[in-house]
C-alpha atoms as a PDB file:
ATOM      1  CA  MET A   1       0.000   0.000   0.000  1.00  0.00           C
ATOM      2  CA  ILE A   2       1.090   3.527  -0.647  1.00  0.00           C
ATOM      3  CA  ASP A   3       0.883   5.249   2.710  1.00  0.00           C
ATOM      4  CA  ALA A   4      -0.060   8.865   3.370  1.00  0.00           C
ATOM      5  CA  ILE A   5       3.559   9.873   3.953  1.00  0.00           C
ATOM      6  CA  ARG A   6       4.565   8.583   0.513  1.00  0.00           C
ATOM      7  CA  LYS A   7       1.561  10.282  -1.105  1.00  0.00           C
ATOM      8  CA  ASN A   8       2.473  13.609   0.515  1.00  0.00           C
ATOM      9  CA  GLU A   9       6.101  13.227  -0.541  1.00  0.00           C
ATOM     10  CA  ALA A  10       5.043  12.505  -4.126  1.00  0.00           C
ATOM     11  CA  GLN A  11       2.765  15.576  -4.167  1.00  0.00           C
ATOM     12  CA  LYS A  12       5.591  17.833  -2.903  1.00  0.00           C
ATOM     13  CA  ASN A  13       8.045  16.330  -5.370  1.00  0.00           C
ATOM     14  CA  PHE A  14       5.567  16.742  -8.208  1.00  0.00           C
ATOM     15  CA  ARG A  15       5.251  20.478  -7.513  1.00  0.00           C
ATOM     16  CA  LYS A  16       9.045  20.753  -7.183  1.00  0.00           C
ATOM     17  CA  TYR A  17       9.579  18.915 -10.490  1.00  0.00           C
ATOM     18  CA  LEU A  18       7.287  21.405 -12.227  1.00  0.00           C
ATOM     19  CA  GLU A  19       9.146  24.358 -10.688  1.00  0.00           C
ATOM     20  CA  GLU A  20      12.554  22.927 -11.633  1.00  0.00           C
ATOM     21  CA  GLY A  21      11.526  21.939 -15.172  1.00  0.00           C
ATOM     22  CA  LEU A  22      12.012  18.213 -14.596  1.00  0.00           C
ATOM     23  CA  LEU A  23       8.369  17.846 -15.570  1.00  0.00           C
ATOM     24  CA  VAL A  24       6.702  20.196 -18.023  1.00  0.00           C
ATOM     25  CA  LYS A  25       3.119  20.805 -19.035  1.00  0.00           C
ATOM     26  CA  GLN A  26       3.016  19.455 -22.557  1.00  0.00           C
ATOM     27  CA  THR A  27       0.997  17.233 -24.832  1.00  0.00           C
ATOM     28  CA  ASP A  28       2.670  15.271 -27.597  1.00  0.00           C
ATOM     29  CA  ASN A  29       0.524  12.655 -29.308  1.00  0.00           C
ATOM     30  CA  LEU A  30       3.424  11.414 -31.416  1.00  0.00           C
ATOM     31  CA  ALA A  31       5.531  10.753 -28.294  1.00  0.00           C
ATOM     32  CA  LYS A  32       2.534   9.253 -26.497  1.00  0.00           C
ATOM     33  CA  ASN A  33       1.944   6.825 -29.362  1.00  0.00           C
ATOM     34  CA  LYS A  34       5.658   5.968 -29.445  1.00  0.00           C
ATOM     35  CA  TYR A  35       5.577   5.226 -25.710  1.00  0.00           C
ATOM     36  CA  VAL A  36       2.599   2.896 -26.214  1.00  0.00           C
ATOM     37  CA  GLU A  37       4.354   1.195 -29.126  1.00  0.00           C
ATOM     38  CA  ASN A  38       7.539   0.760 -27.073  1.00  0.00           C
ATOM     39  CA  ALA A  39       5.537  -0.645 -24.143  1.00  0.00           C
ATOM     40  CA  GLU A  40       3.874  -3.257 -26.340  1.00  0.00           C
ATOM     41  CA  LEU A  41       7.179  -4.148 -27.989  1.00  0.00           C
ATOM     42  CA  SER A  42       8.843  -4.486 -24.587  1.00  0.00           C
ATOM     43  CA  LEU A  43       6.125  -6.846 -23.355  1.00  0.00           C
ATOM     44  CA  ARG A  44       6.442  -9.013 -26.463  1.00  0.00           C
ATOM     45  CA  ALA A  45      10.227  -9.095 -26.075  1.00  0.00           C
ATOM     46  CA  ALA A  46       9.943 -10.071 -22.403  1.00  0.00           C
ATOM     47  CA  GLN A  47       7.491 -12.837 -23.285  1.00  0.00           C
ATOM     48  CA  GLU A  48       9.808 -14.181 -25.991  1.00  0.00           C
ATOM     49  CA  LEU A  49      12.762 -14.112 -23.603  1.00  0.00           C
ATOM     50  CA  MET A  50      10.775 -16.043 -20.999  1.00  0.00           C
ATOM     51  CA  GLN A  51      10.098 -18.740 -23.561  1.00  0.00           C
ATOM     52  CA  SER A  52      13.703 -18.956 -24.758  1.00  0.00           C
ATOM     53  CA  GLN A  53      16.121 -21.636 -23.612  1.00  0.00           C
ATOM     54  CA  LEU A  54      18.453 -18.981 -22.188  1.00  0.00           C
ATOM     55  CA  LYS A  55      16.035 -17.915 -19.430  1.00  0.00           C
ATOM     56  CA  PRO A  56      17.655 -14.470 -18.981  1.00  0.00           C
ATOM     57  CA  HIS A  57      15.636 -13.520 -15.906  1.00  0.00           C
ATOM     58  CA  LEU A  58      17.407 -10.196 -15.389  1.00  0.00           C
ATOM     59  CA  TRP A  59      16.517  -8.999 -18.870  1.00  0.00           C
ATOM     60  CA  VAL A  60      12.920 -10.150 -18.555  1.00  0.00           C
ATOM     61  CA  ILE A  61      12.677  -8.018 -15.400  1.00  0.00           C
ATOM     62  CA  VAL A  62      14.358  -5.012 -17.021  1.00  0.00           C
ATOM     63  CA  ILE A  63      12.288  -5.167 -20.200  1.00  0.00           C
ATOM     64  CA  SER A  64       9.079  -5.732 -18.229  1.00  0.00           C
ATOM     65  CA  TYR A  65       9.849  -2.666 -16.116  1.00  0.00           C
ATOM     66  CA  TYR A  66      10.420  -0.589 -19.231  1.00  0.00           C
ATOM     67  CA  SER A  67       7.034  -1.608 -20.609  1.00  0.00           C
ATOM     68  CA  MET A  68       5.568  -0.116 -17.431  1.00  0.00           C
ATOM     69  CA  PHE A  69       7.776   2.986 -17.651  1.00  0.00           C
ATOM     70  CA  TYR A  70       6.719   3.629 -21.257  1.00  0.00           C
ATOM     71  CA  THR A  71       3.053   3.127 -20.448  1.00  0.00           C
ATOM     72  CA  ALA A  72       3.263   5.418 -17.421  1.00  0.00           C
ATOM     73  CA  ASN A  73       4.818   8.146 -19.526  1.00  0.00           C
ATOM     74  CA  ALA A  74       2.143   7.725 -22.185  1.00  0.00           C
ATOM     75  CA  VAL A  75      -0.480   8.250 -19.469  1.00  0.00           C
ATOM     76  CA  LEU A  76       1.345  11.317 -18.140  1.00  0.00           C
ATOM     77  CA  LEU A  77       1.482  12.767 -21.648  1.00  0.00           C
ATOM     78  CA  HIS A  78      -2.202  12.037 -22.042  1.00  0.00           C
ATOM     79  CA  LEU A  79      -2.784  14.086 -18.897  1.00  0.00           C
ATOM     80  CA  GLY A  80      -0.642  16.892 -20.284  1.00  0.00           C
ATOM     81  CA  TYR A  81       2.729  16.299 -18.573  1.00  0.00           C
ATOM     82  CA  LYS A  82       6.065  15.271 -20.053  1.00  0.00           C
ATOM     83  CA  THR A  83       9.042  14.084 -18.053  1.00  0.00           C
ATOM     84  CA  GLN A  84      12.465  15.432 -18.977  1.00  0.00           C
ATOM     85  CA  ASP A  85      15.737  13.514 -19.142  1.00  0.00           C
ATOM     86  CA  LYS A  86      17.012  14.107 -15.606  1.00  0.00           C
ATOM     87  CA  ILE A  87      15.841  11.574 -12.965  1.00  0.00           C
ATOM     88  CA  SER A  88      12.956  10.656 -15.263  1.00  0.00           C
ATOM     89  CA  HIS A  89      12.198   7.357 -13.516  1.00  0.00           C
ATOM     90  CA  LYS A  90      11.744   9.049 -10.125  1.00  0.00           C
ATOM     91  CA  VAL A  91       9.747  11.870 -11.722  1.00  0.00           C
ATOM     92  CA  THR A  92       7.518   9.291 -13.392  1.00  0.00           C
ATOM     93  CA  SER A  93       7.033   7.371 -10.153  1.00  0.00           C
ATOM     94  CA  ASP A  94       6.087  10.444  -8.127  1.00  0.00           C
ATOM     95  CA  SER A  95       3.876  11.771 -10.913  1.00  0.00           C
ATOM     96  CA  LEU A  96       1.959   8.497 -11.050  1.00  0.00           C
ATOM     97  CA  ILE A  97       1.174   8.834  -7.362  1.00  0.00           C
ATOM     98  CA  ALA A  98       0.364  12.542  -7.585  1.00  0.00           C
ATOM     99  CA  LEU A  99      -1.683  12.490 -10.803  1.00  0.00           C
ATOM    100  CA  VAL A 100      -2.795   8.974 -11.665  1.00  0.00           C
ATOM    101  CA  LEU A 101      -3.435   7.069  -8.437  1.00  0.00           C
ATOM    102  CA  ASP A 102      -6.821   8.614  -7.631  1.00  0.00           C
ATOM    103  CA  LYS A 103      -7.945   8.471 -11.267  1.00  0.00           C
ATOM    104  CA  LEU A 104      -7.010   4.791 -11.432  1.00  0.00           C
ATOM    105  CA  LYS A 105      -8.806   4.045  -8.161  1.00  0.00           C
ATOM    106  CA  LYS A 106     -11.941   5.726  -9.497  1.00  0.00           C
ATOM    107  CA  GLU A 107     -11.723   3.822 -12.787  1.00  0.00           C
ATOM    108  CA  LEU A 108     -11.192   0.487 -11.039  1.00  0.00           C
ATOM    109  CA  LEU A 109     -14.065   1.176  -8.677  1.00  0.00           C
ATOM    110  CA  GLU A 110     -16.352   1.923 -11.602  1.00  0.00           C
ATOM    111  CA  ASP A 111     -15.201  -1.289 -13.315  1.00  0.00           C
ATOM    112  CA  TYR A 112     -15.760  -3.242 -10.102  1.00  0.00           C
ATOM    113  CA  GLU A 113     -19.256  -1.810  -9.692  1.00  0.00           C
ATOM    114  CA  ALA A 114     -20.114  -2.728 -13.285  1.00  0.00           C
ATOM    115  CA  MET A 115     -18.719  -6.248 -12.801  1.00  0.00           C
ATOM    116  CA  GLN A 116     -20.612  -6.562  -9.538  1.00  0.00           C
ATOM    117  CA  GLN A 117     -23.866  -5.581 -11.260  1.00  0.00           C
ATOM    118  CA  ASP A 118     -23.128  -8.030 -14.087  1.00  0.00           C
ATOM    119  CA  ALA A 119     -22.367 -10.756 -11.552  1.00  0.00           C
ATOM    120  CA  LEU A 120     -25.648 -10.107  -9.738  1.00  0.00           C
ATOM    121  CA  GLU A 121     -27.571 -10.336 -13.001  1.00  0.00           C
ATOM    122  CA  ILE A 122     -25.746 -13.528 -14.012  1.00  0.00           C
ATOM    123  CA  ALA A 123     -26.331 -15.072 -10.583  1.00  0.00           C
ATOM    124  CA  ALA A 124     -30.029 -14.180 -10.682  1.00  0.00           C
ATOM    125  CA  ALA A 125     -30.407 -15.655 -14.160  1.00  0.00           C
ATOM    126  CA  LYS A 126     -28.476 -18.766 -13.133  1.00  0.00           C
ATOM    127  CA  ALA A 127     -30.588 -19.235 -10.014  1.00  0.00           C
ATOM    128  CA  GLU A 128     -33.787 -18.917 -12.040  1.00  0.00           C
ATOM    129  CA  SER A 129     -32.436 -21.335 -14.630  1.00  0.00           C
ATOM    130  CA  VAL A 130     -31.536 -23.906 -11.986  1.00  0.00           C
ATOM    131  CA  ILE A 131     -34.957 -23.733 -10.327  1.00  0.00           C
ATOM    132  CA  GLU A 132     -36.742 -23.648 -13.686  1.00  0.00           C
ATOM    133  CA  SER A 133     -34.928 -26.826 -14.740  1.00  0.00           C
ATOM    134  CA  TYR A 134     -36.784 -28.673 -11.977  1.00  0.00           C
ATOM    135  CA  SER A 135     -40.125 -27.737 -13.557  1.00  0.00           C
ATOM    136  CA  TYR A 136     -38.901 -28.756 -17.024  1.00  0.00           C
ATOM    137  CA  GLU A 137     -37.841 -32.122 -15.721  1.00  0.00           C
ATOM    138  CA  LEU A 138     -41.102 -32.617 -13.860  1.00  0.00           C
ATOM    139  CA  ASP A 139     -43.027 -32.074 -17.101  1.00  0.00           C
ATOM    140  CA  LYS A 140     -40.633 -34.198 -19.122  1.00  0.00           C
ATOM    141  CA  ARG A 141     -40.816 -37.097 -16.691  1.00  0.00           C
ATOM    142  CA  SER A 142     -44.572 -37.228 -17.125  1.00  0.00           C
ATOM    143  CA  ARG A 143     -44.354 -37.229 -20.935  1.00  0.00           C
ATOM    144  CA  PHE A 144     -41.383 -39.592 -20.927  1.00  0.00           C
ATOM    145  CA  GLN A 145     -43.126 -42.275 -18.918  1.00  0.00           C
ATOM    146  CA  TYR A 146     -46.131 -42.447 -21.194  1.00  0.00           C
ATOM    147  CA  ASN A 147     -45.509 -41.570 -24.885  1.00  0.00           C
ATOM    148  CA  MET A 148     -42.052 -41.111 -26.477  1.00  0.00           C
ATOM    149  CA  LEU A 149     -39.853 -42.840 -29.085  1.00  0.00           C
ATOM    150  CA  GLU A 150     -36.657 -44.553 -27.846  1.00  0.00           C
ATOM    151  CA  GLN A 151     -34.224 -42.126 -29.608  1.00  0.00           C
ATOM    152  CA  THR A 152     -36.123 -39.153 -28.247  1.00  0.00           C
ATOM    153  CA  LYS A 153     -36.004 -40.723 -24.799  1.00  0.00           C
ATOM    154  CA  GLU A 154     -32.198 -41.066 -25.039  1.00  0.00           C
ATOM    155  CA  ASN A 155     -31.716 -37.412 -26.013  1.00  0.00           C
ATOM    156  CA  LYS A 156     -34.084 -36.245 -23.327  1.00  0.00           C
ATOM    157  CA  ALA A 157     -32.281 -38.448 -20.798  1.00  0.00           C
ATOM    158  CA  LYS A 158     -28.940 -36.811 -21.614  1.00  0.00           C
ATOM    159  CA  THR A 159     -30.444 -33.356 -21.163  1.00  0.00           C
ATOM    160  CA  SER A 160     -32.061 -34.454 -17.934  1.00  0.00           C
ATOM    161  CA  PHE A 161     -28.798 -35.803 -16.581  1.00  0.00           C
ATOM    162  CA  LYS A 162     -27.004 -32.570 -17.442  1.00  0.00           C
ATOM    163  CA  ARG A 163     -29.703 -30.463 -15.808  1.00  0.00           C
ATOM    164  CA  ALA A 164     -29.822 -32.700 -12.754  1.00  0.00           C
ATOM    165  CA  SER A 165     -26.072 -32.611 -12.328  1.00  0.00           C
ATOM    166  CA  GLU A 166     -26.065 -28.837 -12.528  1.00  0.00           C
ATOM    167  CA  PHE A 167     -29.067 -28.580 -10.231  1.00  0.00           C
ATOM    168  CA  VAL A 168     -27.518 -30.824  -7.582  1.00  0.00           C
ATOM    169  CA  PHE A 169     -24.171 -29.033  -7.829  1.00  0.00           C
ATOM    170  CA  GLU A 170     -25.734 -25.595  -7.403  1.00  0.00           C
ATOM    171  CA  MET A 171     -28.190 -26.628  -4.708  1.00  0.00           C
ATOM    172  CA  LYS A 172     -25.456 -28.314  -2.641  1.00  0.00           C
ATOM    173  CA  LYS A 173     -23.885 -24.868  -2.273  1.00  0.00           C
ATOM    174  CA  LEU A 174     -26.931 -23.879  -0.239  1.00  0.00           C
ATOM    175  CA  LEU A 175     -26.290 -26.740   2.159  1.00  0.00           C
ATOM    176  CA  LYS A 176     -22.911 -25.439   3.320  1.00  0.00           C
END
């Protein structure tokens, strides 16, 4: 977790970087796109290195970090800030905390809330489907016992088994 002391330090550093010109207000779509391209290339390179016989763990770590560094700088440019050459990694780190952390939290919370709503809808539909399958099987059993061809009975039996298995599996969860 990033504690309050670190957040305060990053905020102070961010203001200092702006004053000292280590970070400038600037947008540059060409540079932003190049950062994104470099990030994607770095990830692919790291993945290929992981799969190689050499297993160069150090370089996988370094290249993976640079994919993050490039992406972070693309985000900063998107927000209107460009790091300069001096201590750029530290400037990027502090700027992420000062500018991006709260935005990312908000975005993730919105995503979580949407996923939660989707999960509730899926669970409700699943629950209804499980209970409804009991009624389907009740009706089918009646028809099955009295007037059906053998091939039809086999197909219906397979469906019944699948539904029953799912029903039992889901209902057992309620017993815990």
